[in-house]
PDB file of N, CA and C in Angstrom:
ATOM      1  N   GLY A   1       8.601 -15.251   3.472  1.00  0.00           N
ATOM      2  CA  GLY A   1       8.925 -14.483   2.296  1.00  0.00           C
ATOM      3  C   GLY A   1       8.460 -13.051   2.425  1.00  0.00           C
ATOM      4  N   ALA A   2       8.722 -12.304   1.409  1.00  0.00           N
ATOM      5  CA  ALA A   2       8.347 -10.890   1.383  1.00  0.00           C
ATOM      6  C   ALA A   2       6.834 -10.726   1.325  1.00  0.00           C
ATOM      7  N   GLN A   3       6.323  -9.746   2.044  1.00  0.00           N
ATOM      8  CA  GLN A   3       4.899  -9.422   1.993  1.00  0.00           C
ATOM      9  C   GLN A   3       4.604  -8.472   0.847  1.00  0.00           C
ATOM     10  N   ALA A   4       5.578  -7.651   0.478  1.00  0.00           N
ATOM     11  CA  ALA A   4       5.367  -6.669  -0.581  1.00  0.00           C
ATOM     12  C   ALA A   4       6.693  -6.022  -0.962  1.00  0.00           C
ATOM     13  N   LEU A   5       6.706  -5.406  -2.126  1.00  0.00           N
ATOM     14  CA  LEU A   5       7.803  -4.543  -2.547  1.00  0.00           C
ATOM     15  C   LEU A   5       7.177  -3.155  -2.598  1.00  0.00           C
ATOM     16  N   ALA A   6       7.487  -2.324  -1.616  1.00  0.00           N
ATOM     17  CA  ALA A   6       6.808  -1.052  -1.386  1.00  0.00           C
ATOM     18  C   ALA A   6       6.592  -0.241  -2.656  1.00  0.00           C
ATOM     19  N   GLY A   7       5.337   0.079  -2.908  1.00  0.00           N
ATOM     20  CA  GLY A   7       4.980   0.897  -4.051  1.00  0.00           C
ATOM     21  C   GLY A   7       4.978   0.174  -5.372  1.00  0.00           C
ATOM     22  N   VAL A   8       5.275  -1.135  -5.373  1.00  0.00           N
ATOM     23  CA  VAL A   8       5.375  -1.876  -6.628  1.00  0.00           C
ATOM     24  C   VAL A   8       4.434  -3.072  -6.661  1.00  0.00           C
ATOM     25  N   MET A   9       4.531  -3.972  -5.679  1.00  0.00           N
ATOM     26  CA  MET A   9       3.785  -5.232  -5.757  1.00  0.00           C
ATOM     27  C   MET A   9       3.489  -5.765  -4.360  1.00  0.00           C
ATOM     28  N   GLY A  10       2.275  -6.293  -4.189  1.00  0.00           N
ATOM     29  CA  GLY A  10       1.902  -6.955  -2.938  1.00  0.00           C
ATOM     30  C   GLY A  10       2.255  -8.429  -3.012  1.00  0.00           C
ATOM     31  N   GLY A  11       2.361  -9.072  -1.862  1.00  0.00           N
ATOM     32  CA  GLY A  11       2.709 -10.490  -1.817  1.00  0.00           C
ATOM     33  C   GLY A  11       1.483 -11.385  -1.846  1.00  0.00           C
ATOM     34  N   ALA A  12       1.589 -12.531  -2.502  1.00  0.00           N
ATOM     35  CA  ALA A  12       0.472 -13.479  -2.599  1.00  0.00           C
ATOM     36  C   ALA A  12       0.076 -14.003  -1.224  1.00  0.00           C
ATOM     37  N   ASP A  13       1.030 -14.140  -0.321  1.00  0.00           N
ATOM     38  CA  ASP A  13       0.728 -14.661   1.012  1.00  0.00           C
ATOM     39  C   ASP A  13      -0.086 -13.688   1.861  1.00  0.00           C
ATOM     40  N   SER A  14      -0.208 -12.444   1.418  1.00  0.00           N
ATOM     41  CA  SER A  14      -0.975 -11.466   2.190  1.00  0.00           C
ATOM     42  C   SER A  14      -2.364 -11.231   1.598  1.00  0.00           C
ATOM     43  N   ALA A  15      -2.746 -12.018   0.602  1.00  0.00           N
ATOM     44  CA  ALA A  15      -4.069 -11.879  -0.020  1.00  0.00           C
ATOM     45  C   ALA A  15      -5.152 -12.424   0.908  1.00  0.00           C
ATOM     46  N   VAL A  16      -6.392 -11.950   0.714  1.00  0.00           N
ATOM     47  CA  VAL A  16      -7.511 -12.444   1.510  1.00  0.00           C
ATOM     48  C   VAL A  16      -8.196 -13.606   0.797  1.00  0.00           C
ATOM     49  N   SER A  17      -8.907 -14.421   1.578  1.00  0.00           N
ATOM     50  CA  SER A  17      -9.649 -15.557   1.026  1.00  0.00           C
ATOM     51  C   SER A  17     -10.977 -15.667   1.777  1.00  0.00           C
ATOM     52  N   ALA A  18     -11.771 -16.652   1.435  1.00  0.00           N
ATOM     53  CA  ALA A  18     -13.055 -16.863   2.109  1.00  0.00           C
ATOM     54  C   ALA A  18     -12.866 -17.141   3.598  1.00  0.00           C
ATOM     55  N   GLY A  19     -11.709 -17.639   3.982  1.00  0.00           N
ATOM     56  CA  GLY A  19     -11.447 -17.950   5.384  1.00  0.00           C
ATOM     57  C   GLY A  19     -10.845 -16.810   6.187  1.00  0.00           C
ATOM     58  N   THR A  20     -10.595 -15.673   5.564  1.00  0.00           N
ATOM     59  CA  THR A  20      -9.973 -14.534   6.247  1.00  0.00           C
ATOM     60  C   THR A  20     -10.908 -13.983   7.322  1.00  0.00           C
ATOM     61  N   ARG A  21     -10.385 -13.773   8.525  1.00  0.00           N
ATOM     62  CA  ARG A  21     -11.176 -13.235   9.633  1.00  0.00           C
ATOM     63  C   ARG A  21     -10.635 -11.895  10.141  1.00  0.00           C
ATOM     64  N   THR A  22      -9.381 -11.634   9.912  1.00  0.00           N
ATOM     65  CA  THR A  22      -8.760 -10.390  10.365  1.00  0.00           C
ATOM     66  C   THR A  22      -8.069  -9.734   9.182  1.00  0.00           C
ATOM     67  N   VAL A  23      -8.288  -8.432   9.028  1.00  0.00           N
ATOM     68  CA  VAL A  23      -7.718  -7.700   7.896  1.00  0.00           C
ATOM     69  C   VAL A  23      -6.942  -6.498   8.420  1.00  0.00           C
ATOM     70  N   PHE A  24      -5.762  -6.301   7.886  1.00  0.00           N
ATOM     71  CA  PHE A  24      -4.964  -5.111   8.178  1.00  0.00           C
ATOM     72  C   PHE A  24      -4.876  -4.320   6.883  1.00  0.00           C
ATOM     73  N   LEU A  25      -5.428  -3.114   6.872  1.00  0.00           N
ATOM     74  CA  LEU A  25      -5.366  -2.272   5.679  1.00  0.00           C
ATOM     75  C   LEU A  25      -4.163  -1.351   5.785  1.00  0.00           C
ATOM     76  N   GLU A  26      -3.453  -1.233   4.691  1.00  0.00           N
ATOM     77  CA  GLU A  26      -2.277  -0.366   4.621  1.00  0.00           C
ATOM     78  C   GLU A  26      -2.447   0.541   3.418  1.00  0.00           C
ATOM     79  N   SER A  27      -2.097   1.791   3.608  1.00  0.00           N
ATOM     80  CA  SER A  27      -2.156   2.747   2.513  1.00  0.00           C
ATOM     81  C   SER A  27      -0.923   3.625   2.630  1.00  0.00           C
ATOM     82  N   ALA A  28      -0.232   3.840   1.536  1.00  0.00           N
ATOM     83  CA  ALA A  28       1.031   4.572   1.610  1.00  0.00           C
ATOM     84  C   ALA A  28       1.228   5.470   0.396  1.00  0.00           C
ATOM     85  N   HIS A  29       2.105   6.422   0.567  1.00  0.00           N
ATOM     86  CA  HIS A  29       2.517   7.303  -0.527  1.00  0.00           C
ATOM     87  C   HIS A  29       4.020   7.149  -0.693  1.00  0.00           C
ATOM     88  N   PHE A  30       4.449   7.035  -1.928  1.00  0.00           N
ATOM     89  CA  PHE A  30       5.876   6.915  -2.222  1.00  0.00           C
ATOM     90  C   PHE A  30       6.272   8.004  -3.211  1.00  0.00           C
ATOM     91  N   ALA A  31       7.383   8.659  -2.946  1.00  0.00           N
ATOM     92  CA  ALA A  31       7.890   9.685  -3.853  1.00  0.00           C
ATOM     93  C   ALA A  31       8.324   9.023  -5.158  1.00  0.00           C
ATOM     94  N   PRO A  32       8.070   9.682  -6.291  1.00  0.00           N
ATOM     95  CA  PRO A  32       8.459   9.107  -7.582  1.00  0.00           C
ATOM     96  C   PRO A  32       9.927   8.679  -7.636  1.00  0.00           C
ATOM     97  N   ALA A  33      10.822   9.470  -7.056  1.00  0.00           N
ATOM     98  CA  ALA A  33      12.254   9.137  -7.101  1.00  0.00           C
ATOM     99  C   ALA A  33      12.554   7.834  -6.363  1.00  0.00           C
ATOM    100  N   ALA A  34      11.749   7.510  -5.340  1.00  0.00           N
ATOM    101  CA  ALA A  34      11.980   6.286  -4.570  1.00  0.00           C
ATOM    102  C   ALA A  34      11.529   5.043  -5.326  1.00  0.00           C
ATOM    103  N   ILE A  35      10.570   5.191  -6.226  1.00  0.00           N
ATOM    104  CA  ILE A  35       9.989   4.051  -6.936  1.00  0.00           C
ATOM    105  C   ILE A  35      10.566   3.883  -8.338  1.00  0.00           C
ATOM    106  N   MET A  36      11.004   4.990  -8.924  1.00  0.00           N
ATOM    107  CA  MET A  36      11.467   4.971 -10.305  1.00  0.00           C
ATOM    108  C   MET A  36      12.515   3.891 -10.554  1.00  0.00           C
ATOM    109  N   GLY A  37      12.232   3.025 -11.471  1.00  0.00           N
ATOM    110  CA  GLY A  37      13.176   1.990 -11.869  1.00  0.00           C
ATOM    111  C   GLY A  37      13.115   0.714 -11.046  1.00  0.00           C
ATOM    112  N   VAL A  38      12.446   0.737  -9.885  1.00  0.00           N
ATOM    113  CA  VAL A  38      12.393  -0.450  -9.023  1.00  0.00           C
ATOM    114  C   VAL A  38      11.632  -1.578  -9.714  1.00  0.00           C
ATOM    115  N   ALA A  39      10.477  -1.255 -10.306  1.00  0.00           N
ATOM    116  CA  ALA A  39       9.684  -2.284 -10.999  1.00  0.00           C
ATOM    117  C   ALA A  39      10.501  -2.904 -12.130  1.00  0.00           C
ATOM    118  N   ARG A  40      11.198  -2.080 -12.863  1.00  0.00           N
ATOM    119  CA  ARG A  40      12.018  -2.567 -13.982  1.00  0.00           C
ATOM    120  C   ARG A  40      13.164  -3.443 -13.465  1.00  0.00           C
ATOM    121  N   ARG A  41      13.812  -3.012 -12.400  1.00  0.00           N
ATOM    122  CA  ARG A  41      14.943  -3.748 -11.841  1.00  0.00           C
ATOM    123  C   ARG A  41      14.535  -5.154 -11.392  1.00  0.00           C
ATOM    124  N   PHE A  42      13.325  -5.280 -10.828  1.00  0.00           N
ATOM    125  CA  PHE A  42      12.865  -6.578 -10.333  1.00  0.00           C
ATOM    126  C   PHE A  42      11.942  -7.303 -11.306  1.00  0.00           C
ATOM    127  N   GLY A  43      11.676  -6.683 -12.461  1.00  0.00           N
ATOM    128  CA  GLY A  43      10.791  -7.293 -13.447  1.00  0.00           C
ATOM    129  C   GLY A  43       9.361  -7.427 -12.952  1.00  0.00           C
ATOM    130  N   LEU A  44       8.922  -6.483 -12.120  1.00  0.00           N
ATOM    131  CA  LEU A  44       7.573  -6.499 -11.550  1.00  0.00           C
ATOM    132  C   LEU A  44       6.829  -5.234 -11.965  1.00  0.00           C
ATOM    133  N   HIS A  45       6.201  -5.268 -13.096  1.00  0.00           N
ATOM    134  CA  HIS A  45       5.474  -4.091 -13.571  1.00  0.00           C
ATOM    135  C   HIS A  45       4.049  -4.158 -13.052  1.00  0.00           C
ATOM    136  N   SER A  46       3.598  -3.099 -12.397  1.00  0.00           N
ATOM    137  CA  SER A  46       2.262  -3.087 -11.807  1.00  0.00           C
ATOM    138  C   SER A  46       1.627  -1.719 -11.971  1.00  0.00           C
ATOM    139  N   ASP A  47       0.308  -1.669 -11.790  1.00  0.00           N
ATOM    140  CA  ASP A  47      -0.398  -0.391 -11.832  1.00  0.00           C
ATOM    141  C   ASP A  47       0.125   0.542 -10.744  1.00  0.00           C
ATOM    142  N   ALA A  48       0.406  -0.009  -9.565  1.00  0.00           N
ATOM    143  CA  ALA A  48       0.901   0.806  -8.453  1.00  0.00           C
ATOM    144  C   ALA A  48       2.228   1.473  -8.814  1.00  0.00           C
ATOM    145  N   ALA A  49       3.166   0.713  -9.341  1.00  0.00           N
ATOM    146  CA  ALA A  49       4.466   1.274  -9.717  1.00  0.00           C
ATOM    147  C   ALA A  49       4.289   2.337 -10.793  1.00  0.00           C
ATOM    148  N   HIS A  50       3.431   2.063 -11.756  1.00  0.00           N
ATOM    149  CA  HIS A  50       3.170   3.009 -12.848  1.00  0.00           C
ATOM    150  C   HIS A  50       2.673   4.342 -12.279  1.00  0.00           C
ATOM    151  N   ARG A  51       1.738   4.279 -11.331  1.00  0.00           N
ATOM    152  CA  ARG A  51       1.190   5.506 -10.745  1.00  0.00           C
ATOM    153  C   ARG A  51       2.226   6.232  -9.898  1.00  0.00           C
ATOM    154  N   PHE A  52       2.894   5.513  -8.999  1.00  0.00           N
ATOM    155  CA  PHE A  52       3.842   6.168  -8.100  1.00  0.00           C
ATOM    156  C   PHE A  52       5.030   6.767  -8.849  1.00  0.00           C
ATOM    157  N   GLU A  53       5.468   6.141  -9.931  1.00  0.00           N
ATOM    158  CA  GLU A  53       6.577   6.694 -10.714  1.00  0.00           C
ATOM    159  C   GLU A  53       6.212   8.043 -11.320  1.00  0.00           C
ATOM    160  N   ARG A  54       4.944   8.266 -11.554  1.00  0.00           N
ATOM    161  CA  ARG A  54       4.490   9.508 -12.180  1.00  0.00           C
ATOM    162  C   ARG A  54       3.993  10.535 -11.171  1.00  0.00           C
ATOM    163  N   GLY A  55       3.900  10.144  -9.922  1.00  0.00           N
ATOM    164  CA  GLY A  55       3.471  11.059  -8.858  1.00  0.00           C
ATOM    165  C   GLY A  55       1.984  10.931  -8.562  1.00  0.00           C
ATOM    166  N   VAL A  56       1.658  10.872  -7.288  1.00  0.00           N
ATOM    167  CA  VAL A  56       0.273  10.769  -6.831  1.00  0.00           C
ATOM    168  C   VAL A  56       0.044  11.815  -5.746  1.00  0.00           C
ATOM    169  N   ASP A  57      -1.190  12.201  -5.559  1.00  0.00           N
ATOM    170  CA  ASP A  57      -1.562  13.150  -4.515  1.00  0.00           C
ATOM    171  C   ASP A  57      -1.175  12.557  -3.154  1.00  0.00           C
ATOM    172  N   PRO A  58      -0.291  13.206  -2.401  1.00  0.00           N
ATOM    173  CA  PRO A  58       0.153  12.642  -1.125  1.00  0.00           C
ATOM    174  C   PRO A  58      -0.958  12.542  -0.078  1.00  0.00           C
ATOM    175  N   ASP A  59      -2.075  13.252  -0.269  1.00  0.00           N
ATOM    176  CA  ASP A  59      -3.193  13.169   0.672  1.00  0.00           C
ATOM    177  C   ASP A  59      -4.135  12.014   0.355  1.00  0.00           C
ATOM    178  N   LEU A  60      -4.007  11.431  -0.822  1.00  0.00           N
ATOM    179  CA  LEU A  60      -4.922  10.377  -1.252  1.00  0.00           C
ATOM    180  C   LEU A  60      -4.880   9.111  -0.387  1.00  0.00           C
ATOM    181  N   PRO A  61      -3.725   8.617   0.038  1.00  0.00           N
ATOM    182  CA  PRO A  61      -3.709   7.364   0.805  1.00  0.00           C
ATOM    183  C   PRO A  61      -4.568   7.382   2.069  1.00  0.00           C
ATOM    184  N   GLU A  62      -4.526   8.466   2.820  1.00  0.00           N
ATOM    185  CA  GLU A  62      -5.321   8.508   4.049  1.00  0.00           C
ATOM    186  C   GLU A  62      -6.815   8.539   3.730  1.00  0.00           C
ATOM    187  N   ARG A  63      -7.203   9.330   2.735  1.00  0.00           N
ATOM    188  CA  ARG A  63      -8.621   9.374   2.335  1.00  0.00           C
ATOM    189  C   ARG A  63      -9.070   8.017   1.811  1.00  0.00           C
ATOM    190  N   ALA A  64      -8.225   7.369   1.017  1.00  0.00           N
ATOM    191  CA  ALA A  64      -8.563   6.052   0.465  1.00  0.00           C
ATOM    192  C   ALA A  64      -8.683   5.007   1.575  1.00  0.00           C
ATOM    193  N   LEU A  65      -7.826   5.084   2.570  1.00  0.00           N
ATOM    194  CA  LEU A  65      -7.877   4.149   3.691  1.00  0.00           C
ATOM    195  C   LEU A  65      -9.180   4.305   4.472  1.00  0.00           C
ATOM    196  N   GLU A  66      -9.582   5.536   4.712  1.00  0.00           N
ATOM    197  CA  GLU A  66     -10.841   5.791   5.419  1.00  0.00           C
ATOM    198  C   GLU A  66     -12.024   5.260   4.612  1.00  0.00           C
ATOM    199  N   ARG A  67     -12.005   5.465   3.304  1.00  0.00           N
ATOM    200  CA  ARG A  67     -13.100   4.987   2.443  1.00  0.00           C
ATOM    201  C   ARG A  67     -13.132   3.459   2.394  1.00  0.00           C
ATOM    202  N   ALA A  68     -11.978   2.837   2.232  1.00  0.00           N
ATOM    203  CA  ALA A  68     -11.911   1.373   2.191  1.00  0.00           C
ATOM    204  C   ALA A  68     -12.396   0.775   3.510  1.00  0.00           C
ATOM    205  N   THR A  69     -12.038   1.399   4.621  1.00  0.00           N
ATOM    206  CA  THR A  69     -12.489   0.927   5.930  1.00  0.00           C
ATOM    207  C   THR A  69     -14.001   1.013   6.037  1.00  0.00           C
ATOM    208  N   ALA A  70     -14.568   2.147   5.617  1.00  0.00           N
ATOM    209  CA  ALA A  70     -16.022   2.321   5.671  1.00  0.00           C
ATOM    210  C   ALA A  70     -16.731   1.272   4.819  1.00  0.00           C
ATOM    211  N   LEU A  71     -16.225   1.015   3.617  1.00  0.00           N
ATOM    212  CA  LEU A  71     -16.837   0.008   2.743  1.00  0.00           C
ATOM    213  C   LEU A  71     -16.727  -1.393   3.338  1.00  0.00           C
ATOM    214  N   LEU A  72     -15.569  -1.715   3.865  1.00  0.00           N
ATOM    215  CA  LEU A  72     -15.354  -3.034   4.461  1.00  0.00           C
ATOM    216  C   LEU A  72     -16.299  -3.258   5.643  1.00  0.00           C
ATOM    217  N   LEU A  73     -16.453  -2.254   6.491  1.00  0.00           N
ATOM    218  CA  LEU A  73     -17.353  -2.369   7.637  1.00  0.00           C
ATOM    219  C   LEU A  73     -18.807  -2.475   7.189  1.00  0.00           C
ATOM    220  N   ALA A  74     -19.181  -1.717   6.152  1.00  0.00           N
ATOM    221  CA  ALA A  74     -20.560  -1.760   5.650  1.00  0.00           C
ATOM    222  C   ALA A  74     -20.900  -3.123   5.054  1.00  0.00           C
ATOM    223  N   VAL A  75     -19.966  -3.721   4.351  1.00  0.00           N
ATOM    224  CA  VAL A  75     -20.216  -4.997   3.677  1.00  0.00           C
ATOM    225  C   VAL A  75     -20.027  -6.189   4.618  1.00  0.00           C
ATOM    226  N   CYS A  76     -18.967  -6.151   5.430  1.00  0.00           N
ATOM    227  CA  CYS A  76     -18.593  -7.326   6.230  1.00  0.00           C
ATOM    228  C   CYS A  76     -18.895  -7.197   7.716  1.00  0.00           C
ATOM    229  N   GLY A  77     -19.112  -5.984   8.180  1.00  0.00           N
ATOM    230  CA  GLY A  77     -19.275  -5.786   9.615  1.00  0.00           C
ATOM    231  C   GLY A  77     -17.931  -5.772  10.300  1.00  0.00           C
ATOM    232  N   GLY A  78     -17.951  -5.929  11.604  1.00  0.00           N
ATOM    233  CA  GLY A  78     -16.707  -5.927  12.359  1.00  0.00           C
ATOM    234  C   GLY A  78     -16.450  -4.584  13.000  1.00  0.00           C
ATOM    235  N   ARG A  79     -15.228  -4.358  13.357  1.00  0.00           N
ATOM    236  CA  ARG A  79     -14.851  -3.084  13.970  1.00  0.00           C
ATOM    237  C   ARG A  79     -13.481  -2.667  13.458  1.00  0.00           C
ATOM    238  N   ALA A  80     -13.278  -1.373  13.418  1.00  0.00           N
ATOM    239  CA  ALA A  80     -12.011  -0.820  12.931  1.00  0.00           C
ATOM    240  C   ALA A  80     -11.127  -0.449  14.110  1.00  0.00           C
ATOM    241  N   GLY A  81      -9.857  -0.672  13.951  1.00  0.00           N
ATOM    242  CA  GLY A  81      -8.890  -0.252  14.956  1.00  0.00           C
ATOM    243  C   GLY A  81      -8.468   1.185  14.683  1.00  0.00           C
ATOM    244  N   PRO A  82      -7.565   1.715  15.487  1.00  0.00           N
ATOM    245  CA  PRO A  82      -7.116   3.092  15.305  1.00  0.00           C
ATOM    246  C   PRO A  82      -6.225   3.240  14.067  1.00  0.00           C
ATOM    247  N   LEU A  83      -6.238   4.424  13.511  1.00  0.00           N
ATOM    248  CA  LEU A  83      -5.368   4.750  12.384  1.00  0.00           C
ATOM    249  C   LEU A  83      -3.957   4.967  12.926  1.00  0.00           C
ATOM    250  N   GLN A  84      -3.000   4.302  12.350  1.00  0.00           N
ATOM    251  CA  GLN A  84      -1.597   4.466  12.736  1.00  0.00           C
ATOM    252  C   GLN A  84      -0.887   5.212  11.613  1.00  0.00           C
ATOM    253  N   ARG A  85      -0.083   6.172  11.959  1.00  0.00           N
ATOM    254  CA  ARG A  85       0.628   6.945  10.943  1.00  0.00           C
ATOM    255  C   ARG A  85       2.127   6.853  11.196  1.00  0.00           C
ATOM    256  N   ALA A  86       2.856   6.591  10.125  1.00  0.00           N
ATOM    257  CA  ALA A  86       4.317   6.564  10.197  1.00  0.00           C
ATOM    258  C   ALA A  86       4.846   7.337   9.003  1.00  0.00           C
ATOM    259  N   GLU A  87       5.732   8.250   9.248  1.00  0.00           N
ATOM    260  CA  GLU A  87       6.323   9.033   8.166  1.00  0.00           C
ATOM    261  C   GLU A  87       7.836   8.915   8.231  1.00  0.00           C
ATOM    262  N   LEU A  88       8.414   8.631   7.080  1.00  0.00           N
ATOM    263  CA  LEU A  88       9.868   8.571   6.992  1.00  0.00           C
ATOM    264  C   LEU A  88      10.363   9.877   6.384  1.00  0.00           C
ATOM    265  N   PRO A  89      11.322  10.513   7.000  1.00  0.00           N
ATOM    266  CA  PRO A  89      11.825  11.787   6.484  1.00  0.00           C
ATOM    267  C   PRO A  89      12.705  11.601   5.251  1.00  0.00           C
ATOM    268  N   GLY A  90      12.176  11.985   4.109  1.00  0.00           N
ATOM    269  CA  GLY A  90      12.976  11.957   2.885  1.00  0.00           C
ATOM    270  C   GLY A  90      13.341  10.567   2.409  1.00  0.00           C
ATOM    271  N   TRP A  91      14.353  10.503   1.611  1.00  0.00           N
ATOM    272  CA  TRP A  91      14.814   9.276   0.973  1.00  0.00           C
ATOM    273  C   TRP A  91      15.762   8.538   1.895  1.00  0.00           C
ATOM    274  N   ILE A  92      15.572   7.239   2.036  1.00  0.00           N
ATOM    275  CA  ILE A  92      16.480   6.416   2.832  1.00  0.00           C
ATOM    276  C   ILE A  92      17.414   5.698   1.864  1.00  0.00           C
ATOM    277  N   ALA A  93      18.695   5.899   2.026  1.00  0.00           N
ATOM    278  CA  ALA A  93      19.674   5.302   1.111  1.00  0.00           C
ATOM    279  C   ALA A  93      19.680   3.779   1.240  1.00  0.00           C
ATOM    280  N   PRO A  94      19.842   3.069   0.112  1.00  0.00           N
ATOM    281  CA  PRO A  94      19.916   1.607   0.187  1.00  0.00           C
ATOM    282  C   PRO A  94      21.167   1.165   0.932  1.00  0.00           C
ATOM    283  N   ARG A  95      21.105  -0.027   1.530  1.00  0.00           N
ATOM    284  CA  ARG A  95      22.259  -0.551   2.275  1.00  0.00           C
ATOM    285  C   ARG A  95      23.327  -1.030   1.330  1.00  0.00           C
TER     286      ARG A  95
END
């Protein structure tokens, strides 16, 4: 099944539990025009959709990812992998 609806809702199958040993952190920015109406169309209202529809600081996701990684390592230990960056140019039309 789906892992997430970008900028709107995460999937239950991707949640962590007491047995989780490997974590992949993802942080993204979505343009308001790309998210607007998606939550309503799918009946999935979330804090994430509410924020992205109104616009968020595009620099925040990378800073938040670095902070979340630092907290996770401080609390749980382990090691962090490299930061991967992917940028999509503009709006991608639906199929």
